[in-house]
Amino acid sequence: MTGLGAVFRPQLAPERLRSVARVADEAGLEELWLWEDCFREGGISTLTAALAWTERVRVGVGLLPVPLRNVAVTAMEAATLHRMFPGRAVLGVGHGVQDWMGQVGARVESPVTLLREYLLALRGLLDGQRVTTDGRYVRLDDVALDWPPAGAVDVFAGAAGPRSLRLAGEAADGTVLTASTPPDGVRRARRLIDEGRDAAGRTDAHTVVVYLVTATGSGAAERLRAELVAEGDADVPGLGIAGDAEAVAEAVGRLAEAGADTVILQPTGDEPDPEAFVRFAAEEVRPLVK
């Protein structure tokens, strides 16, 4: 069955998260995802709060920009969360928006090299290994976690370009695709991910998560159109959906058919009622998604 979730967008003030997270938990939503967009809200702080305020919903961060964090710190944060909230935290890492990375003096010459080194080190630390590495960007000297996760932890990578998608297949446990990815883009991404997996000899499962811009209720079509225009995606066919639960479920199905394992409904930036949107996803769309 295709996984389904929704996004709490950081255009909302942090104090709104508690209400949205509790509605997600009570309504039976499977996954609530958060973003660490510069310069709005911290990914680890919001993830921890959402997990503490809820009992069952899985909470993901997509994505943590790797230029901003030493890999050992990310590993410590991830391990701590997985021990406190077993099986409920989902962490994705990625290049970060390059303009934002430049603003804070963290932009690197080779984002793909950094992400490769980071993923390998992070997965090793979370597997309980003692890691020594002297890469171009990631350097660790005999580092191991005192409190590694009790079980296996999946690390997701955000990817869009061919090199990054192949890298995600090679070195990550799952891939996060943006809402700018139509069904044909998901098919292309799956092929590139599989190329990376084949090159690395990987046969384990690899989960593909895709965001879907979604608008429902009054003025849905207009809000969706405005969102796509603002993101520069207005001319990309097959992006986003506006309509009722049946229309949204059909759009989810198209992404699943193309290769998505989990679809995360992404409300427009001007969504008037985030709590109602989460309830809509859980109670109206979920029963229609196969």
C-alpha atoms as a PDB file:
ATOM      1  CA  MET A   1       0.000   0.000   0.000  1.00  0.00           C
ATOM      2  CA  THR A   2       1.228   3.491  -0.837  1.00  0.00           C
ATOM      3  CA  GLY A   3       2.261   5.505   2.213  1.00  0.00           C
ATOM      4  CA  LEU A   4       0.583   8.873   2.728  1.00  0.00           C
ATOM      5  CA  GLY A   5       1.472  11.920   4.759  1.00  0.00           C
ATOM      6  CA  ALA A   6       1.308  15.696   4.893  1.00  0.00           C
ATOM      7  CA  VAL A   7       3.702  18.595   5.391  1.00  0.00           C
ATOM      8  CA  PHE A   8       3.771  21.191   8.134  1.00  0.00           C
ATOM      9  CA  ARG A   9       5.275  24.036   6.150  1.00  0.00           C
ATOM     10  CA  PRO A  10       7.678  26.428   7.885  1.00  0.00           C
ATOM     11  CA  GLN A  11       5.762  29.386   6.497  1.00  0.00           C
ATOM     12  CA  LEU A  12       3.610  28.717   9.557  1.00  0.00           C
ATOM     13  CA  ALA A  13       4.890  30.039  12.876  1.00  0.00           C
ATOM     14  CA  PRO A  14       6.568  27.377  15.044  1.00  0.00           C
ATOM     15  CA  GLU A  15       3.889  27.694  17.715  1.00  0.00           C
ATOM     16  CA  ARG A  16       1.340  26.303  15.220  1.00  0.00           C
ATOM     17  CA  LEU A  17       3.133  22.952  15.065  1.00  0.00           C
ATOM     18  CA  ARG A  18       1.698  21.544  18.282  1.00  0.00           C
ATOM     19  CA  SER A  19      -1.896  21.791  17.101  1.00  0.00           C
ATOM     20  CA  VAL A  20      -1.159  20.365  13.642  1.00  0.00           C
ATOM     21  CA  ALA A  21       0.909  17.491  15.040  1.00  0.00           C
ATOM     22  CA  ARG A  22      -1.793  16.517  17.529  1.00  0.00           C
ATOM     23  CA  VAL A  23      -4.456  16.550  14.821  1.00  0.00           C
ATOM     24  CA  ALA A  24      -2.227  14.350  12.651  1.00  0.00           C
ATOM     25  CA  ASP A  25      -1.822  11.885  15.513  1.00  0.00           C
ATOM     26  CA  GLU A  26      -5.496  11.821  16.459  1.00  0.00           C
ATOM     27  CA  ALA A  27      -6.739  11.559  12.868  1.00  0.00           C
ATOM     28  CA  GLY A  28      -4.499   8.592  12.090  1.00  0.00           C
ATOM     29  CA  LEU A  29      -2.166  10.243   9.589  1.00  0.00           C
ATOM     30  CA  GLU A  30       0.789   7.978   8.881  1.00  0.00           C
ATOM     31  CA  GLU A  31       3.499  10.583   8.427  1.00  0.00           C
ATOM     32  CA  LEU A  32       3.944  14.287   9.166  1.00  0.00           C
ATOM     33  CA  TRP A  33       6.911  15.901   7.442  1.00  0.00           C
ATOM     34  CA  LEU A  34       8.761  19.084   8.363  1.00  0.00           C
ATOM     35  CA  TRP A  35      11.208  21.260   6.450  1.00  0.00           C
ATOM     36  CA  GLU A  36      14.354  23.066   7.485  1.00  0.00           C
ATOM     37  CA  ASP A  37      14.091  25.962   5.061  1.00  0.00           C
ATOM     38  CA  CYS A  38      16.502  28.795   5.714  1.00  0.00           C
ATOM     39  CA  PHE A  39      15.871  30.879   7.667  1.00  0.00           C
ATOM     40  CA  ARG A  40      12.632  29.735   9.183  1.00  0.00           C
ATOM     41  CA  GLU A  41      12.588  26.777  11.584  1.00  0.00           C
ATOM     42  CA  GLY A  42      15.140  24.273  12.834  1.00  0.00           C
ATOM     43  CA  GLY A  43      14.586  20.718  11.660  1.00  0.00           C
ATOM     44  CA  ILE A  44      15.795  18.871  14.751  1.00  0.00           C
ATOM     45  CA  SER A  45      13.977  21.134  17.213  1.00  0.00           C
ATOM     46  CA  THR A  46      10.656  20.876  15.381  1.00  0.00           C
ATOM     47  CA  LEU A  47      11.073  17.127  14.852  1.00  0.00           C
ATOM     48  CA  THR A  48      11.734  16.559  18.549  1.00  0.00           C
ATOM     49  CA  ALA A  49       8.789  18.689  19.624  1.00  0.00           C
ATOM     50  CA  ALA A  50       6.395  16.978  17.216  1.00  0.00           C
ATOM     51  CA  LEU A  51       7.484  13.542  18.406  1.00  0.00           C
ATOM     52  CA  ALA A  52       7.075  14.548  22.045  1.00  0.00           C
ATOM     53  CA  TRP A  53       3.576  15.942  21.449  1.00  0.00           C
ATOM     54  CA  THR A  54       2.353  12.785  19.687  1.00  0.00           C
ATOM     55  CA  GLU A  55       2.119   9.053  20.309  1.00  0.00           C
ATOM     56  CA  ARG A  56       2.062   7.209  16.999  1.00  0.00           C
ATOM     57  CA  VAL A  57       2.555   9.357  13.864  1.00  0.00           C
ATOM     58  CA  ARG A  58       5.938   9.104  12.171  1.00  0.00           C
ATOM     59  CA  VAL A  59       7.630  12.483  11.798  1.00  0.00           C
ATOM     60  CA  GLY A  60      10.144  13.228   9.073  1.00  0.00           C
ATOM     61  CA  VAL A  61      12.491  16.072   8.243  1.00  0.00           C
ATOM     62  CA  GLY A  62      13.115  16.611   4.594  1.00  0.00           C
ATOM     63  CA  LEU A  63      15.722  17.891   4.451  1.00  0.00           C
ATOM     64  CA  LEU A  64      18.623  18.746   6.757  1.00  0.00           C
ATOM     65  CA  PRO A  65      21.247  20.635   4.685  1.00  0.00           C
ATOM     66  CA  VAL A  66      24.540  18.803   5.206  1.00  0.00           C
ATOM     67  CA  PRO A  67      26.823  21.859   4.810  1.00  0.00           C
ATOM     68  CA  LEU A  68      25.328  23.277   8.004  1.00  0.00           C
ATOM     69  CA  ARG A  69      26.124  20.323  10.316  1.00  0.00           C
ATOM     70  CA  ASN A  70      29.081  18.233  11.286  1.00  0.00           C
ATOM     71  CA  VAL A  71      28.124  14.643  10.525  1.00  0.00           C
ATOM     72  CA  ALA A  72      28.907  13.510  14.079  1.00  0.00           C
ATOM     73  CA  VAL A  73      26.358  15.999  15.440  1.00  0.00           C
ATOM     74  CA  THR A  74      23.703  14.758  13.017  1.00  0.00           C
ATOM     75  CA  ALA A  75      24.461  11.173  14.029  1.00  0.00           C
ATOM     76  CA  MET A  76      24.145  12.030  17.734  1.00  0.00           C
ATOM     77  CA  GLU A  77      20.834  13.809  17.148  1.00  0.00           C
ATOM     78  CA  ALA A  78      19.447  10.974  15.031  1.00  0.00           C
ATOM     79  CA  ALA A  79      20.534   8.270  17.445  1.00  0.00           C
ATOM     80  CA  THR A  80      19.063  10.109  20.426  1.00  0.00           C
ATOM     81  CA  LEU A  81      15.717  10.557  18.681  1.00  0.00           C
ATOM     82  CA  HIS A  82      15.550   6.924  17.607  1.00  0.00           C
ATOM     83  CA  ARG A  83      16.243   5.732  21.136  1.00  0.00           C
ATOM     84  CA  MET A  84      13.628   8.065  22.652  1.00  0.00           C
ATOM     85  CA  PHE A  85      11.018   7.535  19.923  1.00  0.00           C
ATOM     86  CA  PRO A  86      11.792   4.141  18.340  1.00  0.00           C
ATOM     87  CA  GLY A  87      10.727   3.819  14.724  1.00  0.00           C
ATOM     88  CA  ARG A  88       9.034   7.198  14.539  1.00  0.00           C
ATOM     89  CA  ALA A  89      11.745   9.638  13.392  1.00  0.00           C
ATOM     90  CA  VAL A  90      12.644   9.897   9.707  1.00  0.00           C
ATOM     91  CA  LEU A  91      15.701  11.959   8.746  1.00  0.00           C
ATOM     92  CA  GLY A  92      16.539  13.120   5.278  1.00  0.00           C
ATOM     93  CA  VAL A  93      19.707  14.987   4.346  1.00  0.00           C
ATOM     94  CA  GLY A  94      20.569  16.914   1.225  1.00  0.00           C
ATOM     95  CA  HIS A  95      22.744  19.504  -0.465  1.00  0.00           C
ATOM     96  CA  GLY A  96      20.761  22.476   0.792  1.00  0.00           C
ATOM     97  CA  VAL A  97      19.658  25.332  -1.458  1.00  0.00           C
ATOM     98  CA  GLN A  98      22.949  26.650  -2.779  1.00  0.00           C
ATOM     99  CA  ASP A  99      22.024  30.332  -2.520  1.00  0.00           C
ATOM    100  CA  TRP A 100      21.156  29.821   1.151  1.00  0.00           C
ATOM    101  CA  MET A 101      24.367  27.924   1.768  1.00  0.00           C
ATOM    102  CA  GLY A 102      26.251  30.827   0.225  1.00  0.00           C
ATOM    103  CA  GLN A 103      24.491  33.297   2.493  1.00  0.00           C
ATOM    104  CA  VAL A 104      25.830  31.561   5.598  1.00  0.00           C
ATOM    105  CA  GLY A 105      29.303  30.859   4.242  1.00  0.00           C
ATOM    106  CA  ALA A 106      28.736  27.093   3.991  1.00  0.00           C
ATOM    107  CA  ARG A 107      28.604  26.580   0.230  1.00  0.00           C
ATOM    108  CA  VAL A 108      31.035  23.932  -0.997  1.00  0.00           C
ATOM    109  CA  GLU A 109      32.681  23.477  -4.363  1.00  0.00           C
ATOM    110  CA  SER A 110      31.348  19.922  -4.828  1.00  0.00           C
ATOM    111  CA  PRO A 111      27.985  19.294  -3.149  1.00  0.00           C
ATOM    112  CA  VAL A 112      27.834  15.739  -4.514  1.00  0.00           C
ATOM    113  CA  THR A 113      31.213  14.867  -2.999  1.00  0.00           C
ATOM    114  CA  LEU A 114      30.137  16.273   0.357  1.00  0.00           C
ATOM    115  CA  LEU A 115      26.856  14.360   0.310  1.00  0.00           C
ATOM    116  CA  ARG A 116      28.600  11.103  -0.606  1.00  0.00           C
ATOM    117  CA  GLU A 117      31.111  11.428   2.226  1.00  0.00           C
ATOM    118  CA  TYR A 118      28.387  12.497   4.631  1.00  0.00           C
ATOM    119  CA  LEU A 119      26.005   9.629   3.834  1.00  0.00           C
ATOM    120  CA  LEU A 120      28.705   6.994   4.186  1.00  0.00           C
ATOM    121  CA  ALA A 121      29.909   8.394   7.508  1.00  0.00           C
ATOM    122  CA  LEU A 122      26.406   8.956   8.886  1.00  0.00           C
ATOM    123  CA  ARG A 123      25.187   5.468   8.039  1.00  0.00           C
ATOM    124  CA  GLY A 124      28.328   3.972   9.530  1.00  0.00           C
ATOM    125  CA  LEU A 125      27.935   5.856  12.800  1.00  0.00           C
ATOM    126  CA  LEU A 126      24.247   4.974  13.068  1.00  0.00           C
ATOM    127  CA  ASP A 127      25.138   1.326  12.431  1.00  0.00           C
ATOM    128  CA  GLY A 128      27.293   1.437  15.564  1.00  0.00           C
ATOM    129  CA  GLN A 129      30.596   1.443  13.718  1.00  0.00           C
ATOM    130  CA  ARG A 130      33.757   3.230  14.807  1.00  0.00           C
ATOM    131  CA  VAL A 131      34.511   5.527  11.891  1.00  0.00           C
ATOM    132  CA  THR A 132      37.762   7.059  10.708  1.00  0.00           C
ATOM    133  CA  THR A 133      37.689   8.908   7.413  1.00  0.00           C
ATOM    134  CA  ASP A 134      39.735  11.655   5.807  1.00  0.00           C
ATOM    135  CA  GLY A 135      37.651  12.919   2.939  1.00  0.00           C
ATOM    136  CA  ARG A 136      37.578  16.186   1.095  1.00  0.00           C
ATOM    137  CA  TYR A 137      34.921  17.536   3.447  1.00  0.00           C
ATOM    138  CA  VAL A 138      34.159  14.889   6.087  1.00  0.00           C
ATOM    139  CA  ARG A 139      36.940  14.030   8.512  1.00  0.00           C
ATOM    140  CA  LEU A 140      36.466  11.763  11.515  1.00  0.00           C
ATOM    141  CA  ASP A 141      39.164  10.305  13.735  1.00  0.00           C
ATOM    142  CA  ASP A 142      38.094   7.144  15.585  1.00  0.00           C
ATOM    143  CA  VAL A 143      34.516   8.349  16.203  1.00  0.00           C
ATOM    144  CA  ALA A 144      31.751   6.099  17.546  1.00  0.00           C
ATOM    145  CA  LEU A 145      28.451   6.809  19.252  1.00  0.00           C
ATOM    146  CA  ASP A 146      28.168   5.863  22.917  1.00  0.00           C
ATOM    147  CA  TRP A 147      24.392   5.493  22.440  1.00  0.00           C
ATOM    148  CA  PRO A 148      23.803   4.207  18.912  1.00  0.00           C
ATOM    149  CA  PRO A 149      20.249   3.371  17.847  1.00  0.00           C
ATOM    150  CA  ALA A 150      18.927   0.077  19.169  1.00  0.00           C
ATOM    151  CA  GLY A 151      17.956  -1.037  15.666  1.00  0.00           C
ATOM    152  CA  ALA A 152      18.550  -0.259  12.019  1.00  0.00           C
ATOM    153  CA  VAL A 153      17.967   3.357  10.981  1.00  0.00           C
ATOM    154  CA  ASP A 154      17.174   4.416   7.422  1.00  0.00           C
ATOM    155  CA  VAL A 155      18.865   7.562   6.119  1.00  0.00           C
ATOM    156  CA  PHE A 156      17.097   9.379   3.295  1.00  0.00           C
ATOM    157  CA  ALA A 157      18.763  11.670   0.766  1.00  0.00           C
ATOM    158  CA  GLY A 158      17.151  14.499  -1.126  1.00  0.00           C
ATOM    159  CA  ALA A 159      18.082  14.426  -4.788  1.00  0.00           C
ATOM    160  CA  ALA A 160      17.081  15.966  -8.111  1.00  0.00           C
ATOM    161  CA  GLY A 161      19.938  15.827 -10.630  1.00  0.00           C
ATOM    162  CA  PRO A 162      21.244  12.613 -12.226  1.00  0.00           C
ATOM    163  CA  ARG A 163      24.454  12.425 -10.163  1.00  0.00           C
ATOM    164  CA  SER A 164      22.619  13.007  -6.907  1.00  0.00           C
ATOM    165  CA  LEU A 165      19.938  10.451  -7.734  1.00  0.00           C
ATOM    166  CA  ARG A 166      22.527   7.793  -8.552  1.00  0.00           C
ATOM    167  CA  LEU A 167      24.322   8.670  -5.333  1.00  0.00           C
ATOM    168  CA  ALA A 168      21.088   8.299  -3.362  1.00  0.00           C
ATOM    169  CA  GLY A 169      20.669   4.810  -4.751  1.00  0.00           C
ATOM    170  CA  GLU A 170      24.262   3.937  -3.948  1.00  0.00           C
ATOM    171  CA  ALA A 171      24.656   5.430  -0.476  1.00  0.00           C
ATOM    172  CA  ALA A 172      21.219   6.189   1.044  1.00  0.00           C
ATOM    173  CA  ASP A 173      18.342   4.003   2.194  1.00  0.00           C
ATOM    174  CA  GLY A 174      15.669   6.136   0.548  1.00  0.00           C
ATOM    175  CA  THR A 175      15.221   9.211  -1.632  1.00  0.00           C
ATOM    176  CA  VAL A 176      13.101  12.329  -1.175  1.00  0.00           C
ATOM    177  CA  LEU A 177      11.849  14.022  -4.352  1.00  0.00           C
ATOM    178  CA  THR A 178      10.483  17.564  -4.400  1.00  0.00           C
ATOM    179  CA  ALA A 179       6.999  18.609  -5.454  1.00  0.00           C
ATOM    180  CA  SER A 180       8.531  19.706  -8.766  1.00  0.00           C
ATOM    181  CA  THR A 181       8.636  16.023  -9.766  1.00  0.00           C
ATOM    182  CA  PRO A 182       5.749  14.862 -12.007  1.00  0.00           C
ATOM    183  CA  PRO A 183       5.040  11.165 -12.600  1.00  0.00           C
ATOM    184  CA  ASP A 184       7.463  11.019 -15.551  1.00  0.00           C
ATOM    185  CA  GLY A 185      10.090  12.572 -13.303  1.00  0.00           C
ATOM    186  CA  VAL A 186       9.503   9.870 -10.701  1.00  0.00           C
ATOM    187  CA  ARG A 187      10.044   7.185 -13.336  1.00  0.00           C
ATOM    188  CA  ARG A 188      13.285   8.854 -14.405  1.00  0.00           C
ATOM    189  CA  ALA A 189      14.406   9.192 -10.800  1.00  0.00           C
ATOM    190  CA  ARG A 190      13.695   5.509 -10.122  1.00  0.00           C
ATOM    191  CA  ARG A 191      15.838   4.491 -13.102  1.00  0.00           C
ATOM    192  CA  LEU A 192      18.760   6.624 -11.921  1.00  0.00           C
ATOM    193  CA  ILE A 193      18.404   5.448  -8.318  1.00  0.00           C
ATOM    194  CA  ASP A 194      18.423   1.844  -9.516  1.00  0.00           C
ATOM    195  CA  GLU A 195      21.573   2.527 -11.553  1.00  0.00           C
ATOM    196  CA  GLY A 196      23.271   3.653  -8.372  1.00  0.00           C
ATOM    197  CA  ARG A 197      21.997   0.660  -6.446  1.00  0.00           C
ATOM    198  CA  ASP A 198      23.187  -1.737  -9.129  1.00  0.00           C
ATOM    199  CA  ALA A 199      26.629  -0.112  -9.203  1.00  0.00           C
ATOM    200  CA  ALA A 200      26.901  -0.512  -5.425  1.00  0.00           C
ATOM    201  CA  GLY A 201      25.543  -4.063  -5.458  1.00  0.00           C
ATOM    202  CA  ARG A 202      22.668  -3.110  -3.167  1.00  0.00           C
ATOM    203  CA  THR A 203      19.634  -5.397  -2.989  1.00  0.00           C
ATOM    204  CA  ASP A 204      17.914  -3.996   0.102  1.00  0.00           C
ATOM    205  CA  ALA A 205      14.717  -1.943  -0.057  1.00  0.00           C
ATOM    206  CA  HIS A 206      14.886   1.690  -1.137  1.00  0.00           C
ATOM    207  CA  THR A 207      11.912   3.925  -0.351  1.00  0.00           C
ATOM    208  CA  VAL A 208      11.070   6.826  -2.656  1.00  0.00           C
ATOM    209  CA  VAL A 209       9.157   9.705  -1.039  1.00  0.00           C
ATOM    210  CA  VAL A 210       7.540  12.341  -3.267  1.00  0.00           C
ATOM    211  CA  TYR A 211       5.878  15.601  -2.295  1.00  0.00           C
ATOM    212  CA  LEU A 212       2.631  16.531  -4.056  1.00  0.00           C
ATOM    213  CA  VAL A 213       1.373  20.126  -3.988  1.00  0.00           C
ATOM    214  CA  THR A 214      -2.265  19.793  -2.989  1.00  0.00           C
ATOM    215  CA  ALA A 215      -5.123  22.275  -2.704  1.00  0.00           C
ATOM    216  CA  THR A 216      -8.670  21.503  -1.682  1.00  0.00           C
ATOM    217  CA  GLY A 217     -11.751  23.458  -0.710  1.00  0.00           C
ATOM    218  CA  SER A 218     -12.703  26.975  -1.751  1.00  0.00           C
ATOM    219  CA  GLY A 219     -10.422  28.532  -4.370  1.00  0.00           C
ATOM    220  CA  ALA A 220      -8.297  25.388  -4.643  1.00  0.00           C
ATOM    221  CA  ALA A 221      -7.513  25.691  -8.350  1.00  0.00           C
ATOM    222  CA  GLU A 222      -6.498  29.337  -8.015  1.00  0.00           C
ATOM    223  CA  ARG A 223      -4.286  28.641  -5.004  1.00  0.00           C
ATOM    224  CA  LEU A 224      -2.584  25.738  -6.772  1.00  0.00           C
ATOM    225  CA  ARG A 225      -1.960  27.812  -9.888  1.00  0.00           C
ATOM    226  CA  ALA A 226      -0.469  30.653  -7.850  1.00  0.00           C
ATOM    227  CA  GLU A 227       1.801  28.217  -6.009  1.00  0.00           C
ATOM    228  CA  LEU A 228       3.113  26.654  -9.216  1.00  0.00           C
ATOM    229  CA  VAL A 229       3.711  30.076 -10.765  1.00  0.00           C
ATOM    230  CA  ALA A 230       5.607  31.243  -7.679  1.00  0.00           C
ATOM    231  CA  GLU A 231       7.832  28.151  -7.835  1.00  0.00           C
ATOM    232  CA  GLY A 232       8.458  28.498 -11.572  1.00  0.00           C
ATOM    233  CA  ASP A 233       6.630  25.235 -12.301  1.00  0.00           C
ATOM    234  CA  ALA A 234       3.496  26.550 -13.998  1.00  0.00           C
ATOM    235  CA  ASP A 235       4.414  25.047 -17.374  1.00  0.00           C
ATOM    236  CA  VAL A 236       5.371  21.578 -16.087  1.00  0.00           C
ATOM    237  CA  PRO A 237       2.582  19.114 -16.940  1.00  0.00           C
ATOM    238  CA  GLY A 238       1.334  16.752 -14.264  1.00  0.00           C
ATOM    239  CA  LEU A 239       2.373  18.802 -11.245  1.00  0.00           C
ATOM    240  CA  GLY A 240       0.094  19.323  -8.260  1.00  0.00           C
ATOM    241  CA  ILE A 241      -3.580  18.621  -7.747  1.00  0.00           C
ATOM    242  CA  ALA A 242      -6.594  20.709  -6.842  1.00  0.00           C
ATOM    243  CA  GLY A 243      -9.889  19.092  -5.925  1.00  0.00           C
ATOM    244  CA  ASP A 244     -11.665  16.755  -3.584  1.00  0.00           C
ATOM    245  CA  ALA A 245     -10.401  13.592  -1.911  1.00  0.00           C
ATOM    246  CA  GLU A 246     -11.076  11.434  -4.964  1.00  0.00           C
ATOM    247  CA  ALA A 247      -9.069  13.740  -7.240  1.00  0.00           C
ATOM    248  CA  VAL A 248      -6.187  13.846  -4.756  1.00  0.00           C
ATOM    249  CA  ALA A 249      -6.186  10.056  -4.348  1.00  0.00           C
ATOM    250  CA  GLU A 250      -6.025   9.650  -8.124  1.00  0.00           C
ATOM    251  CA  ALA A 251      -3.007  11.979  -8.277  1.00  0.00           C
ATOM    252  CA  VAL A 252      -1.347   9.975  -5.505  1.00  0.00           C
ATOM    253  CA  GLY A 253      -2.042   6.840  -7.501  1.00  0.00           C
ATOM    254  CA  ARG A 254      -0.319   8.263 -10.576  1.00  0.00           C
ATOM    255  CA  LEU A 255       2.818   8.969  -8.564  1.00  0.00           C
ATOM    256  CA  ALA A 256       2.689   5.511  -6.990  1.00  0.00           C
ATOM    257  CA  GLU A 257       2.330   3.875 -10.390  1.00  0.00           C
ATOM    258  CA  ALA A 258       5.408   5.807 -11.498  1.00  0.00           C
ATOM    259  CA  GLY A 259       7.467   4.453  -8.605  1.00  0.00           C
ATOM    260  CA  ALA A 260       6.701   6.452  -5.453  1.00  0.00           C
ATOM    261  CA  ASP A 261       6.392   4.418  -2.260  1.00  0.00           C
ATOM    262  CA  THR A 262       5.156   7.313  -0.119  1.00  0.00           C
ATOM    263  CA  VAL A 263       3.404  10.505  -1.203  1.00  0.00           C
ATOM    264  CA  ILE A 264       3.419  13.519   1.102  1.00  0.00           C
ATOM    265  CA  LEU A 265       0.658  16.044   0.461  1.00  0.00           C
ATOM    266  CA  GLN A 266       2.147  19.533   0.434  1.00  0.00           C
ATOM    267  CA  PRO A 267      -0.383  22.309   1.116  1.00  0.00           C
ATOM    268  CA  THR A 268      -0.005  25.609  -0.658  1.00  0.00           C
ATOM    269  CA  GLY A 269       1.821  28.308   1.235  1.00  0.00           C
ATOM    270  CA  ASP A 270      -1.460  30.122   1.797  1.00  0.00           C
ATOM    271  CA  GLU A 271      -3.434  27.077   3.015  1.00  0.00           C
ATOM    272  CA  PRO A 272      -6.133  28.671   5.213  1.00  0.00           C
ATOM    273  CA  ASP A 273      -6.583  25.783   7.674  1.00  0.00           C
ATOM    274  CA  PRO A 274      -3.533  23.491   8.182  1.00  0.00           C
ATOM    275  CA  GLU A 275      -5.313  21.359  10.793  1.00  0.00           C
ATOM    276  CA  ALA A 276      -8.227  20.739   8.447  1.00  0.00           C
ATOM    277  CA  PHE A 277      -5.780  19.890   5.654  1.00  0.00           C
ATOM    278  CA  VAL A 278      -4.123  17.217   7.796  1.00  0.00           C
ATOM    279  CA  ARG A 279      -7.502  15.800   8.781  1.00  0.00           C
ATOM    280  CA  PHE A 280      -8.540  15.797   5.105  1.00  0.00           C
ATOM    281  CA  ALA A 281      -5.433  13.782   4.213  1.00  0.00           C
ATOM    282  CA  ALA A 282      -5.951  11.249   6.988  1.00  0.00           C
ATOM    283  CA  GLU A 283      -9.717  10.805   6.992  1.00  0.00           C
ATOM    284  CA  GLU A 284     -10.763  11.472   3.386  1.00  0.00           C
ATOM    285  CA  VAL A 285      -7.801  10.755   1.118  1.00  0.00           C
ATOM    286  CA  ARG A 286      -6.185   7.838   2.967  1.00  0.00           C
ATOM    287  CA  PRO A 287      -9.197   5.481   2.604  1.00  0.00           C
ATOM    288  CA  LEU A 288      -9.088   5.995  -1.174  1.00  0.00           C
ATOM    289  CA  VAL A 289      -5.355   5.353  -1.625  1.00  0.00           C
ATOM    290  CA  LYS A 290      -4.341   1.782  -2.431  1.00  0.00           C
END
